[in-house]
N, C-alpha and C. Protein backbone atom coordinates (compact mmCIF):
# COMPACT_ATOMS: atom_id res chain seq x y z
N MET A 1 119.67 214.50 51.25
CA MET A 1 120.90 215.26 51.28
C MET A 1 121.30 215.48 52.74
N ARG A 2 122.57 215.24 53.02
CA ARG A 2 123.08 215.45 54.37
C ARG A 2 123.26 216.94 54.65
N VAL A 3 122.98 217.35 55.86
CA VAL A 3 123.22 218.74 56.28
C VAL A 3 124.61 218.80 56.87
N ILE A 4 125.32 219.88 56.60
CA ILE A 4 126.70 220.01 57.05
C ILE A 4 126.78 219.96 58.58
N THR A 5 127.81 219.29 59.05
CA THR A 5 128.08 219.15 60.48
C THR A 5 129.49 219.68 60.73
N PRO A 6 129.87 219.84 61.99
CA PRO A 6 131.25 220.25 62.26
C PRO A 6 132.27 219.30 61.63
N GLY A 7 132.00 218.00 61.68
CA GLY A 7 132.91 217.03 61.09
C GLY A 7 133.03 217.17 59.58
N LEU A 8 131.90 217.45 58.92
CA LEU A 8 131.93 217.65 57.46
C LEU A 8 132.63 218.96 57.10
N LEU A 9 132.48 219.99 57.91
CA LEU A 9 133.20 221.24 57.67
C LEU A 9 134.71 221.00 57.76
N VAL A 10 135.14 220.27 58.77
CA VAL A 10 136.56 219.94 58.91
C VAL A 10 137.02 219.08 57.74
N ALA A 11 136.19 218.14 57.30
CA ALA A 11 136.54 217.30 56.16
C ALA A 11 136.71 218.14 54.90
N ALA A 12 135.82 219.12 54.70
CA ALA A 12 135.92 220.00 53.53
C ALA A 12 137.22 220.81 53.58
N VAL A 13 137.50 221.43 54.71
CA VAL A 13 138.71 222.24 54.84
C VAL A 13 139.95 221.36 54.69
N THR A 14 139.91 220.17 55.25
CA THR A 14 141.05 219.25 55.12
C THR A 14 141.30 218.88 53.68
N GLU A 15 140.25 218.44 52.98
CA GLU A 15 140.40 218.03 51.59
C GLU A 15 140.86 219.20 50.71
N LEU A 16 140.25 220.35 50.90
CA LEU A 16 140.60 221.50 50.08
C LEU A 16 142.00 222.03 50.39
N SER A 17 142.41 221.98 51.64
CA SER A 17 143.74 222.49 51.99
C SER A 17 144.85 221.56 51.51
N LEU A 18 144.55 220.28 51.32
CA LEU A 18 145.55 219.36 50.80
C LEU A 18 145.86 219.65 49.33
N SER A 19 144.91 220.27 48.64
CA SER A 19 145.10 220.54 47.21
C SER A 19 145.61 221.96 46.95
N ARG A 20 145.94 222.70 48.01
CA ARG A 20 146.37 224.09 47.87
C ARG A 20 147.71 224.31 48.55
N SER A 21 148.38 225.34 48.11
CA SER A 21 149.62 225.70 48.80
C SER A 21 149.36 226.77 49.86
N ALA A 22 148.32 227.59 49.70
CA ALA A 22 148.06 228.70 50.63
C ALA A 22 147.50 228.23 51.98
N LYS A 23 146.78 227.13 51.99
CA LYS A 23 146.21 226.53 53.20
C LYS A 23 145.08 227.32 53.81
N LEU A 24 144.72 228.47 53.25
CA LEU A 24 143.55 229.23 53.69
C LEU A 24 142.42 228.87 52.73
N VAL A 25 141.38 228.25 53.26
CA VAL A 25 140.27 227.76 52.44
C VAL A 25 139.12 228.75 52.54
N ARG A 26 138.69 229.25 51.41
CA ARG A 26 137.64 230.28 51.38
C ARG A 26 136.24 229.67 51.43
N LEU A 27 135.31 230.48 51.91
CA LEU A 27 133.91 230.07 52.01
C LEU A 27 133.39 229.55 50.67
N LYS A 28 133.66 230.27 49.59
CA LYS A 28 133.13 229.85 48.29
C LYS A 28 133.61 228.45 47.91
N ASP A 29 134.83 228.11 48.32
CA ASP A 29 135.34 226.77 48.03
C ASP A 29 134.65 225.71 48.89
N VAL A 30 134.35 226.04 50.12
CA VAL A 30 133.63 225.11 51.00
C VAL A 30 132.21 224.90 50.46
N VAL A 31 131.57 225.97 50.02
CA VAL A 31 130.22 225.85 49.45
C VAL A 31 130.26 224.97 48.20
N ALA A 32 131.25 225.17 47.35
CA ALA A 32 131.39 224.34 46.15
C ALA A 32 131.64 222.87 46.53
N TRP A 33 132.46 222.64 47.55
CA TRP A 33 132.72 221.29 48.03
C TRP A 33 131.42 220.65 48.49
N CYS A 34 130.61 221.41 49.23
CA CYS A 34 129.32 220.88 49.71
C CYS A 34 128.42 220.49 48.54
N GLU A 35 128.35 221.34 47.53
CA GLU A 35 127.53 221.03 46.36
C GLU A 35 128.03 219.77 45.67
N TRP A 36 129.33 219.64 45.53
CA TRP A 36 129.95 218.50 44.86
C TRP A 36 129.71 217.20 45.64
N LYS A 37 129.75 217.29 46.98
CA LYS A 37 129.58 216.10 47.82
C LYS A 37 128.13 215.83 48.21
N GLY A 38 127.20 216.68 47.77
CA GLY A 38 125.80 216.50 48.12
C GLY A 38 125.50 216.82 49.57
N VAL A 39 126.16 217.86 50.10
CA VAL A 39 125.97 218.29 51.48
C VAL A 39 125.23 219.63 51.47
N ASP A 40 124.18 219.72 52.27
CA ASP A 40 123.38 220.94 52.36
C ASP A 40 124.05 221.90 53.34
N CYS A 41 124.50 223.06 52.85
CA CYS A 41 125.13 224.03 53.76
C CYS A 41 124.15 225.12 54.18
N GLN A 42 122.90 225.03 53.72
CA GLN A 42 121.90 226.03 54.11
C GLN A 42 121.04 225.54 55.28
N GLY A 43 120.57 224.32 55.21
CA GLY A 43 119.68 223.81 56.25
C GLY A 43 118.32 224.47 56.18
N ASP A 44 117.62 224.51 57.31
CA ASP A 44 116.28 225.08 57.35
C ASP A 44 116.29 226.59 57.56
N GLY A 45 117.43 227.14 57.93
CA GLY A 45 117.51 228.57 58.24
C GLY A 45 117.74 229.42 57.02
N SER A 46 118.28 230.61 57.28
CA SER A 46 118.57 231.54 56.20
C SER A 46 119.80 231.08 55.43
N ARG A 47 120.28 231.90 54.56
CA ARG A 47 121.39 231.54 53.67
C ARG A 47 122.60 230.99 54.44
N GLN A 48 122.96 229.76 54.15
CA GLN A 48 124.10 229.05 54.71
C GLN A 48 124.06 228.95 56.25
N GLN A 49 122.86 228.96 56.81
CA GLN A 49 122.73 228.92 58.27
C GLN A 49 123.33 227.65 58.85
N ALA A 50 123.14 226.52 58.18
CA ALA A 50 123.69 225.27 58.69
C ALA A 50 125.22 225.32 58.72
N LEU A 51 125.82 225.98 57.74
CA LEU A 51 127.27 226.12 57.71
C LEU A 51 127.76 226.96 58.89
N TRP A 52 127.07 228.05 59.20
CA TRP A 52 127.47 228.90 60.33
C TRP A 52 127.26 228.17 61.65
N ASP A 53 126.20 227.37 61.72
CA ASP A 53 125.97 226.57 62.93
C ASP A 53 127.08 225.53 63.11
N ALA A 54 127.47 224.89 62.00
CA ALA A 54 128.55 223.90 62.07
C ALA A 54 129.87 224.56 62.46
N ASP A 55 130.11 225.74 61.95
CA ASP A 55 131.32 226.50 62.27
C ASP A 55 131.37 226.81 63.77
N ARG A 56 130.25 227.28 64.30
CA ARG A 56 130.19 227.61 65.74
C ARG A 56 130.33 226.36 66.60
N GLU A 57 129.66 225.28 66.21
CA GLU A 57 129.74 224.04 66.99
C GLU A 57 131.15 223.45 66.95
N GLU A 58 131.81 223.56 65.81
CA GLU A 58 133.17 223.07 65.71
C GLU A 58 134.10 223.87 66.63
N ALA A 59 133.89 225.18 66.68
CA ALA A 59 134.72 226.03 67.56
C ALA A 59 134.43 225.74 69.04
N ARG A 60 133.21 225.38 69.35
CA ARG A 60 132.85 225.03 70.73
C ARG A 60 133.41 223.67 71.14
N GLY A 61 133.56 222.80 70.17
CA GLY A 61 133.96 221.42 70.45
C GLY A 61 135.46 221.23 70.36
N GLU A 62 135.87 220.46 69.37
CA GLU A 62 137.28 220.11 69.23
C GLU A 62 138.15 221.28 68.77
N SER A 63 137.56 222.25 68.12
CA SER A 63 138.28 223.43 67.65
C SER A 63 139.50 223.06 66.81
N ARG A 64 139.23 222.36 65.73
CA ARG A 64 140.31 221.94 64.83
C ARG A 64 140.61 222.97 63.75
N LEU A 65 139.73 223.97 63.62
CA LEU A 65 139.86 224.96 62.57
C LEU A 65 140.17 226.35 63.12
N LEU A 66 140.88 227.13 62.33
CA LEU A 66 141.05 228.55 62.58
C LEU A 66 140.10 229.27 61.63
N LYS A 67 139.54 230.39 62.08
CA LYS A 67 138.61 231.13 61.24
C LYS A 67 139.17 232.51 60.96
N PHE A 68 139.05 232.95 59.71
CA PHE A 68 139.52 234.26 59.30
C PHE A 68 138.38 234.98 58.59
N LYS A 69 138.38 236.30 58.71
CA LYS A 69 137.30 237.08 58.10
C LYS A 69 137.85 238.42 57.63
N SER A 70 137.23 238.99 56.60
CA SER A 70 137.73 240.23 56.02
C SER A 70 137.12 241.48 56.64
N GLY A 71 136.08 241.36 57.42
CA GLY A 71 135.42 242.51 58.03
C GLY A 71 134.28 242.06 58.92
N GLU A 72 133.52 243.03 59.44
CA GLU A 72 132.49 242.67 60.41
C GLU A 72 131.10 242.51 59.83
N CYS A 73 130.86 242.87 58.57
CA CYS A 73 129.52 242.74 58.02
C CYS A 73 129.26 241.33 57.50
N LYS A 74 128.02 241.02 57.24
CA LYS A 74 127.64 239.68 56.78
C LYS A 74 128.23 239.35 55.42
N GLN A 75 128.48 240.38 54.61
CA GLN A 75 129.03 240.15 53.28
C GLN A 75 130.55 240.00 53.30
N SER A 76 131.16 240.03 54.46
CA SER A 76 132.61 239.87 54.55
C SER A 76 133.01 238.49 54.07
N ARG A 77 134.21 238.42 53.55
CA ARG A 77 134.73 237.13 53.11
C ARG A 77 135.21 236.34 54.31
N VAL A 78 135.05 235.02 54.22
CA VAL A 78 135.38 234.12 55.33
C VAL A 78 136.26 233.00 54.81
N GLY A 79 137.15 232.53 55.68
CA GLY A 79 137.97 231.39 55.33
C GLY A 79 138.37 230.62 56.59
N TRP A 80 138.78 229.37 56.39
CA TRP A 80 139.20 228.52 57.49
C TRP A 80 140.55 227.89 57.16
N ALA A 81 141.21 227.42 58.19
CA ALA A 81 142.46 226.68 58.01
C ALA A 81 142.55 225.65 59.12
N LEU A 82 143.27 224.58 58.84
CA LEU A 82 143.54 223.59 59.87
C LEU A 82 144.60 224.13 60.81
N ARG A 83 144.51 223.79 62.06
CA ARG A 83 145.48 224.29 63.04
C ARG A 83 146.94 223.96 62.68
N PRO A 84 147.24 222.77 62.13
CA PRO A 84 148.64 222.52 61.75
C PRO A 84 149.16 223.46 60.65
N HIS A 85 148.24 224.11 59.91
CA HIS A 85 148.63 225.02 58.83
C HIS A 85 148.53 226.48 59.28
N ALA A 86 148.52 226.73 60.56
CA ALA A 86 148.26 228.07 61.10
C ALA A 86 149.20 229.13 60.55
N ASP A 87 150.50 228.87 60.53
CA ASP A 87 151.45 229.90 60.09
C ASP A 87 151.21 230.31 58.64
N ARG A 88 151.06 229.33 57.77
CA ARG A 88 150.84 229.65 56.36
C ARG A 88 149.49 230.31 56.13
N ALA A 89 148.48 229.88 56.87
CA ALA A 89 147.15 230.48 56.73
C ALA A 89 147.15 231.92 57.23
N ARG A 90 147.83 232.17 58.33
CA ARG A 90 147.91 233.55 58.85
C ARG A 90 148.65 234.46 57.87
N GLU A 91 149.70 233.94 57.23
CA GLU A 91 150.41 234.73 56.21
C GLU A 91 149.49 235.06 55.05
N ALA A 92 148.74 234.07 54.57
CA ALA A 92 147.81 234.28 53.46
C ALA A 92 146.72 235.27 53.85
N ALA A 93 146.21 235.15 55.06
CA ALA A 93 145.16 236.06 55.53
C ALA A 93 145.70 237.49 55.64
N ALA A 94 146.92 237.63 56.12
CA ALA A 94 147.52 238.96 56.24
C ALA A 94 147.67 239.62 54.87
N LEU A 95 148.04 238.85 53.86
CA LEU A 95 148.17 239.40 52.51
C LEU A 95 146.83 239.90 51.98
N LEU A 96 145.75 239.24 52.40
CA LEU A 96 144.40 239.64 51.98
C LEU A 96 143.80 240.73 52.85
N GLY A 97 144.44 241.04 53.98
CA GLY A 97 143.88 242.01 54.91
C GLY A 97 142.81 241.41 55.81
N TRP A 98 142.80 240.09 55.94
CA TRP A 98 141.84 239.40 56.79
C TRP A 98 142.43 239.26 58.18
N ARG A 99 141.55 239.08 59.17
CA ARG A 99 142.00 238.86 60.54
C ARG A 99 141.36 237.60 61.09
N GLU A 100 142.02 237.05 62.09
CA GLU A 100 141.56 235.82 62.71
C GLU A 100 140.47 236.13 63.73
N GLN A 101 139.51 235.22 63.84
CA GLN A 101 138.47 235.29 64.85
C GLN A 101 138.60 234.10 65.78
N LEU A 102 138.34 234.34 67.05
CA LEU A 102 138.40 233.28 68.06
C LEU A 102 137.04 233.17 68.73
N TRP A 103 136.64 231.95 69.06
CA TRP A 103 135.40 231.72 69.78
C TRP A 103 135.68 231.85 71.26
N ASP A 104 134.97 232.75 71.95
CA ASP A 104 135.21 232.96 73.38
C ASP A 104 134.25 232.17 74.27
N GLY A 105 133.47 231.28 73.67
CA GLY A 105 132.50 230.49 74.41
C GLY A 105 131.09 231.01 74.24
N GLU A 106 130.96 232.29 73.84
CA GLU A 106 129.65 232.89 73.61
C GLU A 106 129.52 233.54 72.25
N LYS A 107 130.63 234.11 71.76
CA LYS A 107 130.59 234.81 70.48
C LYS A 107 131.99 234.82 69.86
N TRP A 108 132.05 235.23 68.59
CA TRP A 108 133.32 235.35 67.90
C TRP A 108 133.98 236.66 68.29
N GLU A 109 135.25 236.59 68.66
CA GLU A 109 136.04 237.78 69.00
C GLU A 109 137.16 237.92 67.99
N TRP A 110 137.51 239.15 67.68
CA TRP A 110 138.62 239.40 66.77
C TRP A 110 139.94 239.28 67.50
N LEU A 111 140.87 238.55 66.92
CA LEU A 111 142.22 238.49 67.47
C LEU A 111 142.81 239.90 67.35
N GLY A 112 143.19 240.48 68.44
CA GLY A 112 143.67 241.86 68.43
C GLY A 112 142.61 242.86 68.84
N GLY A 113 141.38 242.40 69.06
CA GLY A 113 140.35 243.26 69.62
C GLY A 113 139.40 243.94 68.68
N SER A 114 139.76 244.16 67.43
CA SER A 114 138.84 244.87 66.54
C SER A 114 138.92 244.27 65.13
N PRO A 115 137.83 244.41 64.37
CA PRO A 115 137.84 243.86 63.01
C PRO A 115 138.81 244.63 62.12
N PRO A 116 139.22 244.02 61.02
CA PRO A 116 140.12 244.72 60.10
C PRO A 116 139.40 245.89 59.44
N VAL A 117 140.16 246.90 59.11
CA VAL A 117 139.60 248.04 58.38
C VAL A 117 139.50 247.63 56.93
N VAL A 118 138.29 247.72 56.42
CA VAL A 118 138.05 247.32 55.04
C VAL A 118 138.43 248.48 54.13
N THR A 119 139.34 248.23 53.22
CA THR A 119 139.71 249.27 52.27
C THR A 119 138.82 249.14 51.05
N ARG A 120 138.24 250.24 50.68
CA ARG A 120 137.34 250.27 49.53
C ARG A 120 138.14 250.61 48.28
N ARG A 121 137.81 249.94 47.21
CA ARG A 121 138.42 250.27 45.94
C ARG A 121 137.75 251.52 45.39
N PRO A 122 138.52 252.39 44.73
CA PRO A 122 137.87 253.56 44.12
C PRO A 122 136.96 253.10 42.99
N PRO A 123 135.88 253.84 42.75
CA PRO A 123 134.98 253.43 41.66
C PRO A 123 135.72 253.50 40.33
N PRO A 124 135.33 252.65 39.38
CA PRO A 124 136.02 252.68 38.08
C PRO A 124 135.78 254.00 37.38
N ARG A 125 136.83 254.47 36.71
CA ARG A 125 136.70 255.72 35.95
C ARG A 125 136.18 255.39 34.56
N HIS A 126 135.14 256.08 34.19
CA HIS A 126 134.59 255.91 32.85
C HIS A 126 134.95 257.17 32.07
N GLU A 127 135.84 257.04 31.13
CA GLU A 127 136.28 258.19 30.36
C GLU A 127 135.77 258.05 28.93
N ARG A 128 135.33 259.17 28.40
CA ARG A 128 134.94 259.19 26.99
C ARG A 128 136.17 259.48 26.16
N GLY A 129 136.22 258.92 24.99
CA GLY A 129 137.36 259.14 24.12
C GLY A 129 137.49 260.60 23.71
N GLY A 130 138.70 261.10 23.63
CA GLY A 130 138.96 262.44 23.14
C GLY A 130 138.91 263.52 24.19
N SER A 131 138.47 263.24 25.40
CA SER A 131 138.41 264.30 26.41
C SER A 131 139.76 264.45 27.08
N GLU A 132 140.11 265.64 27.41
CA GLU A 132 141.36 265.93 28.09
C GLU A 132 141.21 265.66 29.57
N PRO A 133 142.25 265.19 30.24
CA PRO A 133 142.17 265.01 31.69
C PRO A 133 141.86 266.32 32.37
N GLY A 134 140.98 266.27 33.35
CA GLY A 134 140.64 267.45 34.14
C GLY A 134 139.55 268.30 33.53
N THR A 135 138.99 267.91 32.39
CA THR A 135 137.89 268.69 31.80
C THR A 135 136.57 268.06 32.18
N ASP A 136 135.55 268.84 32.15
CA ASP A 136 134.19 268.40 32.49
C ASP A 136 133.47 268.03 31.21
N ASP A 137 133.27 266.75 30.95
CA ASP A 137 132.61 266.31 29.73
C ASP A 137 131.17 266.79 29.63
N SER A 138 130.51 267.03 30.78
CA SER A 138 129.11 267.42 30.74
C SER A 138 128.94 268.80 30.14
N ALA A 139 129.97 269.63 30.15
CA ALA A 139 129.88 270.98 29.59
C ALA A 139 130.01 270.95 28.08
N GLN A 140 130.35 269.83 27.49
CA GLN A 140 130.55 269.76 26.05
C GLN A 140 129.28 269.40 25.30
N GLY A 141 128.19 269.16 25.98
CA GLY A 141 126.94 268.83 25.32
C GLY A 141 126.81 267.33 25.15
N PRO A 142 125.68 266.91 24.58
CA PRO A 142 125.44 265.46 24.42
C PRO A 142 126.38 264.87 23.39
N PRO A 143 126.69 263.59 23.53
CA PRO A 143 127.59 262.95 22.57
C PRO A 143 126.89 262.85 21.21
N PRO A 144 127.66 262.87 20.15
CA PRO A 144 127.05 262.74 18.82
C PRO A 144 126.43 261.36 18.65
N GLY A 145 125.39 261.30 17.89
CA GLY A 145 124.82 259.97 17.74
C GLY A 145 123.59 260.00 17.04
């Protein structure tokens, strides 16, 4: 199995962006492309280490891709776009609340200086049937059963 390289990362983003109108290609789609093409995106390192190495090497080299991210933690969502699709990719990223990252030669920097503020969804409300809004169900005793 081939390990992902900067060229294969660009090939994945190119192929995937040709089949989309948004032009912002998400990490999960690149991983699926790698599985489909028999490309190892993990390598010998930790989870998807070879993919992150290819991403960094591509940014150091020809820099054909733009990188977008949803936040600063490892679990943040990531996406790429080809430079010719920059305007459409930036629009799509803005709708998702993602920001662009630039390689400064040593590390990834956020365009604009700071990562995006991640908005948390409120936890789902679990309501029992028959209770009135604003009442405390725990005061009513255990449910029948």
